[in-house]
């Protein structure tokens, strides 16, 4: 509640829309670079769920209503009167949302999201992003969702995928321990992001409890 003199809990709570079709959505005041989505809503719910100022029911309901009929989530907010397409649903967004739903106590929606992840996990243990394929980032978020929902055996399969994509002691010293996005080292932010998200999943941590 005091980060550089800023009360983050109060500030976040103040961004919640209280009326209209976006009621419950934590809005982004930055009209130039900001945006709202199931991912940003999930992060807000996770953060507030681990404070004494729990998110209210409207905020949780907004995320629940963004869920597709088969349990998955898209990475952008959608018109809930429309039908999701398989190519639009995303394991990253679903992994974030599942952690938020579990943290917020929305068990029905959480179970639905968990079943979507289970259905889309590959034999390798990895999770594919539409148009991209199986990768470390999507797998890491899928693993965290599975851990949050108690599907530990399937989560371990995802962790094995991540370990297979980790640079070993035979690699160049500067690369050792990092996690490849899709089976080979890629310098720069791609490797950094894969390693950052992959490390959380390998450690068995879920957001809000790391």
C-alpha atoms as a PDB file:
ATOM      1  CA  UNK A   1       0.000   0.000   0.000  1.00  0.00           C
ATOM      2  CA  UNK A   2       3.025   2.260  -0.137  1.00  0.00           C
ATOM      3  CA  UNK A   3       5.261   1.726  -3.146  1.00  0.00           C
ATOM      4  CA  UNK A   4       7.324   4.831  -3.734  1.00  0.00           C
ATOM      5  CA  UNK A   5       4.626   6.729  -1.891  1.00  0.00           C
ATOM      6  CA  UNK A   6       1.862   5.294  -4.089  1.00  0.00           C
ATOM      7  CA  UNK A   7      -0.969   3.177  -2.735  1.00  0.00           C
ATOM      8  CA  UNK A   8      -1.143   0.589  -5.513  1.00  0.00           C
ATOM      9  CA  UNK A   9      -4.193  -1.191  -4.079  1.00  0.00           C
ATOM     10  CA  UNK A  10      -6.215   2.016  -3.886  1.00  0.00           C
ATOM     11  CA  UNK A  11      -5.044   3.148  -7.324  1.00  0.00           C
ATOM     12  CA  UNK A  12      -5.965  -0.156  -8.964  1.00  0.00           C
ATOM     13  CA  UNK A  13      -9.342  -0.239  -7.260  1.00  0.00           C
ATOM     14  CA  UNK A  14     -10.013   3.269  -8.514  1.00  0.00           C
ATOM     15  CA  UNK A  15      -9.590   2.138 -12.121  1.00  0.00           C
ATOM     16  CA  UNK A  16     -12.598  -0.193 -11.969  1.00  0.00           C
ATOM     17  CA  UNK A  17     -15.490   0.821 -14.222  1.00  0.00           C
ATOM     18  CA  UNK A  18     -18.713   1.003 -12.233  1.00  0.00           C
ATOM     19  CA  UNK A  19     -21.354   1.271 -14.954  1.00  0.00           C
ATOM     20  CA  UNK A  20     -22.131   0.381 -18.545  1.00  0.00           C
ATOM     21  CA  UNK A  21     -21.029  -2.653 -20.523  1.00  0.00           C
ATOM     22  CA  UNK A  22     -17.537  -2.459 -18.995  1.00  0.00           C
ATOM     23  CA  UNK A  23     -18.737  -2.526 -15.386  1.00  0.00           C
ATOM     24  CA  UNK A  24     -16.182  -4.437 -13.328  1.00  0.00           C
ATOM     25  CA  UNK A  25     -13.344  -3.957 -15.831  1.00  0.00           C
ATOM     26  CA  UNK A  26     -10.147  -2.398 -14.524  1.00  0.00           C
ATOM     27  CA  UNK A  27      -9.610   0.259 -17.181  1.00  0.00           C
ATOM     28  CA  UNK A  28      -6.269   1.597 -18.361  1.00  0.00           C
ATOM     29  CA  UNK A  29      -6.077   5.405 -18.095  1.00  0.00           C
ATOM     30  CA  UNK A  30      -3.315   5.569 -20.712  1.00  0.00           C
ATOM     31  CA  UNK A  31      -5.232   6.326 -23.905  1.00  0.00           C
ATOM     32  CA  UNK A  32      -2.080   6.145 -26.041  1.00  0.00           C
ATOM     33  CA  UNK A  33      -0.375   2.900 -25.045  1.00  0.00           C
ATOM     34  CA  UNK A  34      -2.779   1.305 -22.603  1.00  0.00           C
ATOM     35  CA  UNK A  35      -5.339  -1.400 -23.278  1.00  0.00           C
ATOM     36  CA  UNK A  36      -7.663  -3.755 -21.436  1.00  0.00           C
ATOM     37  CA  UNK A  37      -8.041  -7.487 -21.975  1.00  0.00           C
ATOM     38  CA  UNK A  38      -8.748 -10.721 -20.111  1.00  0.00           C
ATOM     39  CA  UNK A  39      -5.002 -10.804 -19.375  1.00  0.00           C
ATOM     40  CA  UNK A  40      -4.888  -7.375 -17.749  1.00  0.00           C
ATOM     41  CA  UNK A  41      -8.088  -8.144 -15.828  1.00  0.00           C
ATOM     42  CA  UNK A  42      -6.601 -11.446 -14.649  1.00  0.00           C
ATOM     43  CA  UNK A  43      -3.455  -9.746 -13.379  1.00  0.00           C
ATOM     44  CA  UNK A  44      -5.523  -7.186 -11.477  1.00  0.00           C
ATOM     45  CA  UNK A  45      -7.682  -9.890  -9.895  1.00  0.00           C
ATOM     46  CA  UNK A  46      -4.638 -11.933  -8.895  1.00  0.00           C
ATOM     47  CA  UNK A  47      -2.986  -8.897  -7.327  1.00  0.00           C
ATOM     48  CA  UNK A  48      -6.049  -7.797  -5.332  1.00  0.00           C
ATOM     49  CA  UNK A  49      -6.899 -11.363  -4.278  1.00  0.00           C
ATOM     50  CA  UNK A  50      -3.683 -11.404  -2.284  1.00  0.00           C
ATOM     51  CA  UNK A  51      -4.448  -8.226  -0.349  1.00  0.00           C
ATOM     52  CA  UNK A  52      -7.060  -7.396   2.273  1.00  0.00           C
ATOM     53  CA  UNK A  53      -8.962  -5.480  -0.451  1.00  0.00           C
ATOM     54  CA  UNK A  54     -10.399  -8.403  -2.383  1.00  0.00           C
ATOM     55  CA  UNK A  55     -11.814  -7.754  -5.863  1.00  0.00           C
ATOM     56  CA  UNK A  56     -15.568  -7.252  -5.891  1.00  0.00           C
ATOM     57  CA  UNK A  57     -18.001  -9.554  -7.640  1.00  0.00           C
ATOM     58  CA  UNK A  58     -18.395  -7.243 -10.651  1.00  0.00           C
ATOM     59  CA  UNK A  59     -14.693  -7.496 -11.462  1.00  0.00           C
ATOM     60  CA  UNK A  60     -14.772 -11.290 -11.282  1.00  0.00           C
ATOM     61  CA  UNK A  61     -17.996 -11.422 -13.290  1.00  0.00           C
ATOM     62  CA  UNK A  62     -16.426  -9.377 -16.097  1.00  0.00           C
ATOM     63  CA  UNK A  63     -13.708 -12.012 -16.499  1.00  0.00           C
ATOM     64  CA  UNK A  64     -16.171 -14.905 -16.232  1.00  0.00           C
ATOM     65  CA  UNK A  65     -18.313 -13.388 -18.987  1.00  0.00           C
ATOM     66  CA  UNK A  66     -15.270 -13.135 -21.270  1.00  0.00           C
ATOM     67  CA  UNK A  67     -14.875 -16.921 -21.196  1.00  0.00           C
ATOM     68  CA  UNK A  68     -15.632 -18.740 -24.436  1.00  0.00           C
ATOM     69  CA  UNK A  69     -18.250 -21.488 -24.477  1.00  0.00           C
ATOM     70  CA  UNK A  70     -15.609 -24.233 -24.432  1.00  0.00           C
ATOM     71  CA  UNK A  71     -13.733 -22.718 -21.465  1.00  0.00           C
ATOM     72  CA  UNK A  72     -10.895 -20.923 -23.235  1.00  0.00           C
ATOM     73  CA  UNK A  73     -10.042 -17.228 -23.372  1.00  0.00           C
ATOM     74  CA  UNK A  74      -8.904 -14.849 -26.087  1.00  0.00           C
ATOM     75  CA  UNK A  75      -6.032 -12.432 -25.567  1.00  0.00           C
ATOM     76  CA  UNK A  76      -8.249  -9.406 -26.333  1.00  0.00           C
ATOM     77  CA  UNK A  77     -11.559  -8.428 -24.803  1.00  0.00           C
ATOM     78  CA  UNK A  78     -14.462  -9.501 -26.949  1.00  0.00           C
ATOM     79  CA  UNK A  79     -18.102  -8.794 -27.593  1.00  0.00           C
ATOM     80  CA  UNK A  80     -19.693 -11.489 -25.449  1.00  0.00           C
ATOM     81  CA  UNK A  81     -22.633 -11.675 -27.864  1.00  0.00           C
ATOM     82  CA  UNK A  82     -20.318 -13.175 -30.469  1.00  0.00           C
ATOM     83  CA  UNK A  83     -18.986 -16.722 -30.685  1.00  0.00           C
ATOM     84  CA  UNK A  84     -15.306 -17.449 -30.139  1.00  0.00           C
ATOM     85  CA  UNK A  85     -13.274 -19.096 -32.857  1.00  0.00           C
ATOM     86  CA  UNK A  86     -10.755 -21.833 -32.140  1.00  0.00           C
ATOM     87  CA  UNK A  87      -7.988 -19.798 -33.763  1.00  0.00           C
ATOM     88  CA  UNK A  88      -8.705 -16.892 -31.434  1.00  0.00           C
ATOM     89  CA  UNK A  89      -8.496 -18.790 -28.166  1.00  0.00           C
ATOM     90  CA  UNK A  90      -5.144 -18.708 -26.499  1.00  0.00           C
ATOM     91  CA  UNK A  91      -3.368 -20.810 -23.833  1.00  0.00           C
ATOM     92  CA  UNK A  92      -1.534 -17.738 -22.542  1.00  0.00           C
ATOM     93  CA  UNK A  93      -4.748 -15.827 -21.830  1.00  0.00           C
ATOM     94  CA  UNK A  94      -6.424 -18.969 -20.502  1.00  0.00           C
ATOM     95  CA  UNK A  95      -3.481 -19.695 -18.201  1.00  0.00           C
ATOM     96  CA  UNK A  96      -3.600 -16.176 -16.770  1.00  0.00           C
ATOM     97  CA  UNK A  97      -7.392 -16.308 -16.426  1.00  0.00           C
ATOM     98  CA  UNK A  98      -7.372 -19.697 -14.719  1.00  0.00           C
ATOM     99  CA  UNK A  99      -4.977 -18.425 -12.055  1.00  0.00           C
ATOM    100  CA  UNK A 100      -7.209 -15.383 -11.513  1.00  0.00           C
ATOM    101  CA  UNK A 101     -10.413 -17.429 -11.347  1.00  0.00           C
ATOM    102  CA  UNK A 102      -8.887 -19.785  -8.791  1.00  0.00           C
ATOM    103  CA  UNK A 103      -7.574 -16.866  -6.721  1.00  0.00           C
ATOM    104  CA  UNK A 104     -11.008 -15.193  -6.852  1.00  0.00           C
ATOM    105  CA  UNK A 105     -12.964 -18.318  -5.928  1.00  0.00           C
ATOM    106  CA  UNK A 106     -14.825 -18.628  -9.253  1.00  0.00           C
ATOM    107  CA  UNK A 107     -14.582 -22.421  -9.229  1.00  0.00           C
ATOM    108  CA  UNK A 108     -17.071 -23.210 -11.996  1.00  0.00           C
ATOM    109  CA  UNK A 109     -15.352 -20.989 -14.543  1.00  0.00           C
ATOM    110  CA  UNK A 110     -11.956 -22.132 -13.275  1.00  0.00           C
ATOM    111  CA  UNK A 111     -12.812 -25.788 -13.851  1.00  0.00           C
ATOM    112  CA  UNK A 112     -14.052 -24.957 -17.351  1.00  0.00           C
ATOM    113  CA  UNK A 113     -10.782 -23.147 -18.151  1.00  0.00           C
ATOM    114  CA  UNK A 114      -8.740 -26.028 -16.738  1.00  0.00           C
ATOM    115  CA  UNK A 115     -10.528 -28.512 -18.983  1.00  0.00           C
ATOM    116  CA  UNK A 116      -9.761 -26.291 -21.995  1.00  0.00           C
ATOM    117  CA  UNK A 117      -6.058 -26.321 -21.125  1.00  0.00           C
ATOM    118  CA  UNK A 118      -6.059 -30.081 -20.589  1.00  0.00           C
ATOM    119  CA  UNK A 119      -7.711 -30.613 -23.980  1.00  0.00           C
ATOM    120  CA  UNK A 120      -5.100 -28.465 -25.736  1.00  0.00           C
ATOM    121  CA  UNK A 121      -1.951 -29.817 -24.088  1.00  0.00           C
ATOM    122  CA  UNK A 122       0.184 -31.745 -26.570  1.00  0.00           C
ATOM    123  CA  UNK A 123       1.820 -35.137 -26.060  1.00  0.00           C
ATOM    124  CA  UNK A 124       5.122 -33.308 -25.581  1.00  0.00           C
ATOM    125  CA  UNK A 125       3.644 -31.600 -22.531  1.00  0.00           C
ATOM    126  CA  UNK A 126       3.742 -28.239 -24.293  1.00  0.00           C
ATOM    127  CA  UNK A 127       0.986 -25.814 -25.208  1.00  0.00           C
ATOM    128  CA  UNK A 128       0.615 -24.300 -28.700  1.00  0.00           C
ATOM    129  CA  UNK A 129      -0.164 -20.690 -29.468  1.00  0.00           C
ATOM    130  CA  UNK A 130      -2.442 -20.382 -32.540  1.00  0.00           C
ATOM    131  CA  UNK A 131      -0.404 -19.620 -35.622  1.00  0.00           C
ATOM    132  CA  UNK A 132       2.870 -20.145 -33.778  1.00  0.00           C
ATOM    133  CA  UNK A 133       2.902 -23.669 -32.367  1.00  0.00           C
ATOM    134  CA  UNK A 134       4.162 -25.110 -29.109  1.00  0.00           C
ATOM    135  CA  UNK A 135       6.480 -22.745 -27.278  1.00  0.00           C
ATOM    136  CA  UNK A 136       7.970 -22.124 -23.851  1.00  0.00           C
ATOM    137  CA  UNK A 137       5.936 -19.033 -22.985  1.00  0.00           C
ATOM    138  CA  UNK A 138       2.535 -20.594 -23.668  1.00  0.00           C
ATOM    139  CA  UNK A 139       3.631 -23.776 -21.937  1.00  0.00           C
ATOM    140  CA  UNK A 140       4.791 -21.899 -18.851  1.00  0.00           C
ATOM    141  CA  UNK A 141       1.436 -20.150 -18.482  1.00  0.00           C
ATOM    142  CA  UNK A 142      -0.428 -23.377 -19.140  1.00  0.00           C
ATOM    143  CA  UNK A 143       1.635 -25.094 -16.442  1.00  0.00           C
ATOM    144  CA  UNK A 144       0.893 -22.333 -13.943  1.00  0.00           C
ATOM    145  CA  UNK A 145      -2.812 -22.657 -14.692  1.00  0.00           C
ATOM    146  CA  UNK A 146      -2.666 -26.421 -14.181  1.00  0.00           C
ATOM    147  CA  UNK A 147      -0.801 -25.991 -10.887  1.00  0.00           C
ATOM    148  CA  UNK A 148      -3.339 -23.434  -9.661  1.00  0.00           C
ATOM    149  CA  UNK A 149      -6.197 -25.816 -10.466  1.00  0.00           C
ATOM    150  CA  UNK A 150      -4.536 -28.859  -8.920  1.00  0.00           C
ATOM    151  CA  UNK A 151      -3.720 -30.809 -12.103  1.00  0.00           C
ATOM    152  CA  UNK A 152      -0.189 -31.529 -10.955  1.00  0.00           C
ATOM    153  CA  UNK A 153       0.558 -34.604 -13.091  1.00  0.00           C
ATOM    154  CA  UNK A 154      -0.198 -32.679 -16.273  1.00  0.00           C
ATOM    155  CA  UNK A 155       1.725 -29.696 -14.947  1.00  0.00           C
ATOM    156  CA  UNK A 156       4.793 -31.910 -14.482  1.00  0.00           C
ATOM    157  CA  UNK A 157       4.532 -32.972 -18.137  1.00  0.00           C
ATOM    158  CA  UNK A 158       4.678 -29.310 -19.091  1.00  0.00           C
ATOM    159  CA  UNK A 159       7.652 -28.764 -16.804  1.00  0.00           C
ATOM    160  CA  UNK A 160       9.476 -31.626 -18.538  1.00  0.00           C
ATOM    161  CA  UNK A 161       8.876 -29.884 -21.864  1.00  0.00           C
ATOM    162  CA  UNK A 162      10.447 -26.722 -20.453  1.00  0.00           C
ATOM    163  CA  UNK A 163      13.458 -28.609 -19.095  1.00  0.00           C
ATOM    164  CA  UNK A 164      14.026 -30.195 -22.512  1.00  0.00           C
ATOM    165  CA  UNK A 165      14.214 -26.690 -23.934  1.00  0.00           C
ATOM    166  CA  UNK A 166      16.645 -25.395 -21.333  1.00  0.00           C
ATOM    167  CA  UNK A 167      20.226 -24.646 -22.365  1.00  0.00           C
ATOM    168  CA  UNK A 168      22.499 -27.178 -20.656  1.00  0.00           C
ATOM    169  CA  UNK A 169      26.062 -27.113 -19.375  1.00  0.00           C
ATOM    170  CA  UNK A 170      27.311 -27.944 -22.874  1.00  0.00           C
ATOM    171  CA  UNK A 171      26.047 -24.573 -24.121  1.00  0.00           C
ATOM    172  CA  UNK A 172      28.026 -21.358 -24.200  1.00  0.00           C
ATOM    173  CA  UNK A 173      28.467 -20.101 -20.625  1.00  0.00           C
ATOM    174  CA  UNK A 174      26.309 -17.026 -21.191  1.00  0.00           C
ATOM    175  CA  UNK A 175      23.399 -19.185 -22.369  1.00  0.00           C
ATOM    176  CA  UNK A 176      23.399 -21.901 -19.729  1.00  0.00           C
ATOM    177  CA  UNK A 177      20.151 -22.286 -17.841  1.00  0.00           C
ATOM    178  CA  UNK A 178      18.147 -20.089 -20.182  1.00  0.00           C
ATOM    179  CA  UNK A 179      15.029 -21.497 -21.819  1.00  0.00           C
ATOM    180  CA  UNK A 180      14.579 -21.631 -25.605  1.00  0.00           C
ATOM    181  CA  UNK A 181      11.313 -20.291 -26.974  1.00  0.00           C
ATOM    182  CA  UNK A 182      10.951 -23.037 -29.576  1.00  0.00           C
ATOM    183  CA  UNK A 183      13.844 -25.462 -29.317  1.00  0.00           C
ATOM    184  CA  UNK A 184      16.752 -23.235 -30.211  1.00  0.00           C
ATOM    185  CA  UNK A 185      18.531 -20.280 -28.682  1.00  0.00           C
ATOM    186  CA  UNK A 186      17.331 -16.859 -29.856  1.00  0.00           C
ATOM    187  CA  UNK A 187      19.284 -13.918 -28.511  1.00  0.00           C
ATOM    188  CA  UNK A 188      17.606 -10.933 -26.922  1.00  0.00           C
ATOM    189  CA  UNK A 189      14.138 -10.409 -25.507  1.00  0.00           C
ATOM    190  CA  UNK A 190      12.710 -13.671 -26.918  1.00  0.00           C
ATOM    191  CA  UNK A 191      15.071 -15.802 -24.829  1.00  0.00           C
ATOM    192  CA  UNK A 192      14.683 -13.498 -21.838  1.00  0.00           C
ATOM    193  CA  UNK A 193      10.880 -13.683 -21.865  1.00  0.00           C
ATOM    194  CA  UNK A 194      10.871 -17.464 -22.308  1.00  0.00           C
ATOM    195  CA  UNK A 195      13.314 -17.856 -19.431  1.00  0.00           C
ATOM    196  CA  UNK A 196      11.431 -15.463 -17.159  1.00  0.00           C
ATOM    197  CA  UNK A 197       8.078 -17.169 -17.632  1.00  0.00           C
ATOM    198  CA  UNK A 198       9.562 -20.647 -17.817  1.00  0.00           C
ATOM    199  CA  UNK A 199      11.448 -20.256 -14.546  1.00  0.00           C
ATOM    200  CA  UNK A 200       8.255 -19.443 -12.657  1.00  0.00           C
ATOM    201  CA  UNK A 201       6.586 -22.577 -14.015  1.00  0.00           C
ATOM    202  CA  UNK A 202       9.616 -24.786 -13.336  1.00  0.00           C
ATOM    203  CA  UNK A 203       9.659 -23.524  -9.749  1.00  0.00           C
ATOM    204  CA  UNK A 204       6.055 -24.651  -9.348  1.00  0.00           C
ATOM    205  CA  UNK A 205       4.844 -21.157  -8.566  1.00  0.00           C
ATOM    206  CA  UNK A 206       1.609 -19.453  -9.516  1.00  0.00           C
ATOM    207  CA  UNK A 207       1.168 -15.708  -9.744  1.00  0.00           C
ATOM    208  CA  UNK A 208       0.416 -14.155  -6.391  1.00  0.00           C
ATOM    209  CA  UNK A 209       2.281 -16.883  -4.510  1.00  0.00           C
ATOM    210  CA  UNK A 210       5.827 -16.495  -5.840  1.00  0.00           C
END
